[in-house]
Amino acid sequence: FLFVNRSATTCKTLLWDGTGLCIYQKRLSRGKFARLWRQGDGRPLRMTASELGLFLDGAELAGKLPLSAKEIVI
């Protein structure tokens, strides 16, 4: 699961690592996270591990092109 604040500068990620749930928080010092949730039709957004990495880096193209075969549902 991925949670982003209203200003899109901070996000929290819940990730299952195989042995338990991990929670990560990241705040961007410059820029904002891509607003991928506004492009969908209400269904869960599927991202690959590479796309999630790009999203957490603040890349604008996150979620637009598939980069690997393994998907993560957020």
N, C-alpha and C. Protein backbone atom coordinates (compact mmCIF):
# COMPACT_ATOMS: atom_id res chain seq x y z
N PHE A 1 0.84 -1.17 0.00
CA PHE A 1 0.00 0.00 0.00
C PHE A 1 0.88 1.23 0.00
N LEU A 2 0.41 2.28 -0.65
CA LEU A 2 1.15 3.52 -0.76
C LEU A 2 0.24 4.66 -0.34
N PHE A 3 0.70 5.49 0.58
CA PHE A 3 -0.07 6.63 1.08
C PHE A 3 0.74 7.90 0.83
N VAL A 4 0.09 8.91 0.26
CA VAL A 4 0.76 10.18 -0.04
C VAL A 4 -0.04 11.30 0.61
N ASN A 5 0.67 12.28 1.22
CA ASN A 5 -0.04 13.40 1.84
C ASN A 5 -0.61 14.34 0.79
N ARG A 6 -1.45 15.30 1.21
CA ARG A 6 -2.14 16.19 0.28
C ARG A 6 -1.19 17.02 -0.57
N SER A 7 -0.09 17.45 0.01
CA SER A 7 0.84 18.28 -0.74
C SER A 7 1.78 17.45 -1.62
N ALA A 8 1.68 16.13 -1.56
CA ALA A 8 2.46 15.19 -2.38
C ALA A 8 3.96 15.33 -2.15
N THR A 9 4.36 15.66 -0.94
CA THR A 9 5.79 15.76 -0.61
C THR A 9 6.26 14.63 0.29
N THR A 10 5.33 13.92 0.91
CA THR A 10 5.67 12.81 1.82
C THR A 10 4.83 11.60 1.46
N CYS A 11 5.44 10.41 1.50
CA CYS A 11 4.67 9.19 1.28
C CYS A 11 5.11 8.12 2.28
N LYS A 12 4.21 7.21 2.55
CA LYS A 12 4.49 6.04 3.37
C LYS A 12 4.14 4.81 2.54
N THR A 13 4.97 3.79 2.63
CA THR A 13 4.79 2.56 1.87
C THR A 13 4.76 1.39 2.83
N LEU A 14 3.73 0.56 2.72
CA LEU A 14 3.67 -0.71 3.45
C LEU A 14 4.10 -1.79 2.48
N LEU A 15 5.11 -2.56 2.85
CA LEU A 15 5.67 -3.55 1.94
C LEU A 15 5.85 -4.87 2.67
N TRP A 16 5.36 -5.94 2.08
CA TRP A 16 5.56 -7.30 2.62
C TRP A 16 6.90 -7.80 2.10
N ASP A 17 7.85 -8.10 2.98
CA ASP A 17 9.17 -8.54 2.55
C ASP A 17 9.35 -10.05 2.60
N GLY A 18 8.26 -10.77 2.84
CA GLY A 18 8.33 -12.23 2.90
C GLY A 18 8.31 -12.75 4.33
N THR A 19 8.72 -11.93 5.29
CA THR A 19 8.71 -12.35 6.69
C THR A 19 7.82 -11.46 7.55
N GLY A 20 7.43 -10.32 7.01
CA GLY A 20 6.58 -9.40 7.76
C GLY A 20 6.38 -8.10 7.00
N LEU A 21 5.54 -7.25 7.56
CA LEU A 21 5.26 -5.96 6.95
C LEU A 21 6.31 -4.94 7.35
N CYS A 22 6.77 -4.16 6.39
CA CYS A 22 7.71 -3.07 6.64
C CYS A 22 7.01 -1.77 6.27
N ILE A 23 7.25 -0.72 7.03
CA ILE A 23 6.71 0.59 6.69
C ILE A 23 7.89 1.53 6.44
N TYR A 24 7.82 2.21 5.30
CA TYR A 24 8.85 3.16 4.93
C TYR A 24 8.20 4.53 4.75
N GLN A 25 8.90 5.56 5.15
CA GLN A 25 8.42 6.92 4.94
C GLN A 25 9.50 7.70 4.22
N LYS A 26 9.08 8.50 3.25
CA LYS A 26 10.03 9.33 2.52
C LYS A 26 9.43 10.71 2.31
N ARG A 27 10.25 11.74 2.50
CA ARG A 27 9.85 13.11 2.23
C ARG A 27 10.82 13.67 1.19
N LEU A 28 10.28 14.22 0.12
CA LEU A 28 11.12 14.82 -0.91
C LEU A 28 11.56 16.21 -0.45
N SER A 29 12.83 16.52 -0.59
CA SER A 29 13.32 17.84 -0.21
C SER A 29 13.00 18.86 -1.30
N ARG A 30 12.87 18.40 -2.55
CA ARG A 30 12.48 19.27 -3.66
C ARG A 30 11.49 18.52 -4.53
N GLY A 31 10.53 19.22 -5.08
CA GLY A 31 9.57 18.62 -5.98
C GLY A 31 8.45 17.89 -5.25
N LYS A 32 7.64 17.18 -6.03
CA LYS A 32 6.49 16.44 -5.49
C LYS A 32 6.44 15.06 -6.13
N PHE A 33 5.74 14.16 -5.45
CA PHE A 33 5.51 12.84 -6.01
C PHE A 33 4.51 12.95 -7.16
N ALA A 34 4.63 12.07 -8.16
CA ALA A 34 3.68 12.03 -9.28
C ALA A 34 2.30 11.70 -8.73
N ARG A 35 1.28 12.33 -9.27
CA ARG A 35 -0.10 12.10 -8.82
C ARG A 35 -0.76 11.04 -9.69
N LEU A 36 -0.34 9.80 -9.51
CA LEU A 36 -0.83 8.70 -10.33
C LEU A 36 -2.27 8.34 -10.04
N TRP A 37 -2.75 8.59 -8.85
CA TRP A 37 -4.09 8.19 -8.45
C TRP A 37 -5.15 9.00 -9.19
N ARG A 38 -4.82 10.14 -9.75
CA ARG A 38 -5.79 10.95 -10.48
C ARG A 38 -5.97 10.48 -11.92
N GLN A 39 -5.14 9.58 -12.38
CA GLN A 39 -5.22 9.09 -13.75
C GLN A 39 -6.02 7.81 -13.86
N GLY A 40 -6.37 7.19 -12.76
CA GLY A 40 -7.02 5.89 -12.78
C GLY A 40 -8.53 5.98 -12.85
N ASP A 41 -9.16 4.82 -12.88
CA ASP A 41 -10.61 4.73 -12.95
C ASP A 41 -11.19 4.12 -11.67
N GLY A 42 -10.48 4.22 -10.57
CA GLY A 42 -10.96 3.70 -9.30
C GLY A 42 -10.42 2.32 -8.95
N ARG A 43 -9.83 1.63 -9.92
CA ARG A 43 -9.26 0.31 -9.65
C ARG A 43 -7.89 0.47 -9.00
N PRO A 44 -7.41 -0.56 -8.30
CA PRO A 44 -6.07 -0.47 -7.70
C PRO A 44 -5.01 -0.24 -8.78
N LEU A 45 -4.08 0.60 -8.49
CA LEU A 45 -2.98 0.89 -9.40
C LEU A 45 -1.92 -0.19 -9.24
N ARG A 46 -1.48 -0.76 -10.33
CA ARG A 46 -0.43 -1.78 -10.30
C ARG A 46 0.87 -1.14 -10.75
N MET A 47 1.93 -1.34 -9.96
CA MET A 47 3.24 -0.81 -10.30
C MET A 47 4.26 -1.92 -10.20
N THR A 48 5.25 -1.88 -11.07
CA THR A 48 6.36 -2.81 -10.97
C THR A 48 7.30 -2.31 -9.87
N ALA A 49 8.21 -3.15 -9.45
CA ALA A 49 9.19 -2.75 -8.44
C ALA A 49 10.03 -1.58 -8.94
N SER A 50 10.36 -1.59 -10.23
CA SER A 50 11.14 -0.50 -10.82
C SER A 50 10.35 0.80 -10.82
N GLU A 51 9.05 0.72 -11.15
CA GLU A 51 8.20 1.91 -11.14
C GLU A 51 8.05 2.47 -9.73
N LEU A 52 7.91 1.59 -8.75
CA LEU A 52 7.83 2.06 -7.37
C LEU A 52 9.11 2.79 -6.98
N GLY A 53 10.25 2.25 -7.39
CA GLY A 53 11.52 2.92 -7.12
C GLY A 53 11.59 4.30 -7.75
N LEU A 54 11.13 4.41 -9.00
CA LEU A 54 11.09 5.71 -9.67
C LEU A 54 10.15 6.67 -8.96
N PHE A 55 8.99 6.15 -8.55
CA PHE A 55 8.02 6.98 -7.83
C PHE A 55 8.64 7.54 -6.55
N LEU A 56 9.31 6.67 -5.79
CA LEU A 56 9.91 7.09 -4.52
C LEU A 56 11.07 8.06 -4.74
N ASP A 57 11.67 8.04 -5.93
CA ASP A 57 12.72 9.00 -6.27
C ASP A 57 12.15 10.33 -6.74
N GLY A 58 10.83 10.39 -6.94
CA GLY A 58 10.19 11.63 -7.37
C GLY A 58 10.10 11.79 -8.87
N ALA A 59 10.30 10.71 -9.64
CA ALA A 59 10.26 10.78 -11.11
C ALA A 59 8.83 11.01 -11.59
N GLU A 60 8.65 11.86 -12.58
CA GLU A 60 7.33 12.16 -13.14
C GLU A 60 6.79 11.01 -14.00
N LEU A 61 7.66 10.17 -14.54
CA LEU A 61 7.22 9.10 -15.43
C LEU A 61 6.82 7.83 -14.70
N ALA A 62 6.87 7.83 -13.38
CA ALA A 62 6.53 6.63 -12.61
C ALA A 62 5.12 6.17 -12.93
N GLY A 63 4.97 4.87 -13.25
CA GLY A 63 3.67 4.28 -13.52
C GLY A 63 3.20 4.42 -14.96
N LYS A 64 3.97 5.05 -15.83
CA LYS A 64 3.53 5.27 -17.20
C LYS A 64 4.01 4.18 -18.16
N LEU A 65 5.19 3.59 -17.91
CA LEU A 65 5.73 2.53 -18.75
C LEU A 65 6.16 1.36 -17.88
N PRO A 66 5.76 0.12 -18.22
CA PRO A 66 6.20 -1.04 -17.44
C PRO A 66 7.71 -1.25 -17.63
N LEU A 67 8.41 -1.49 -16.51
CA LEU A 67 9.86 -1.63 -16.56
C LEU A 67 10.35 -3.01 -16.19
N SER A 68 9.54 -3.83 -15.52
CA SER A 68 9.93 -5.19 -15.18
C SER A 68 8.69 -6.05 -15.11
N ALA A 69 8.88 -7.36 -15.07
CA ALA A 69 7.75 -8.28 -15.13
C ALA A 69 7.03 -8.42 -13.79
N LYS A 70 7.70 -8.24 -12.68
CA LYS A 70 7.09 -8.46 -11.37
C LYS A 70 6.33 -7.21 -10.93
N GLU A 71 5.01 -7.35 -10.71
CA GLU A 71 4.18 -6.21 -10.33
C GLU A 71 3.93 -6.21 -8.83
N ILE A 72 3.76 -5.02 -8.28
CA ILE A 72 3.38 -4.82 -6.90
C ILE A 72 2.04 -4.10 -6.93
N VAL A 73 1.05 -4.58 -6.22
CA VAL A 73 -0.26 -3.92 -6.17
C VAL A 73 -0.25 -2.94 -5.02
N ILE A 74 -0.55 -1.66 -5.33
CA ILE A 74 -0.62 -0.65 -4.27
C ILE A 74 -1.98 -0.02 -4.24
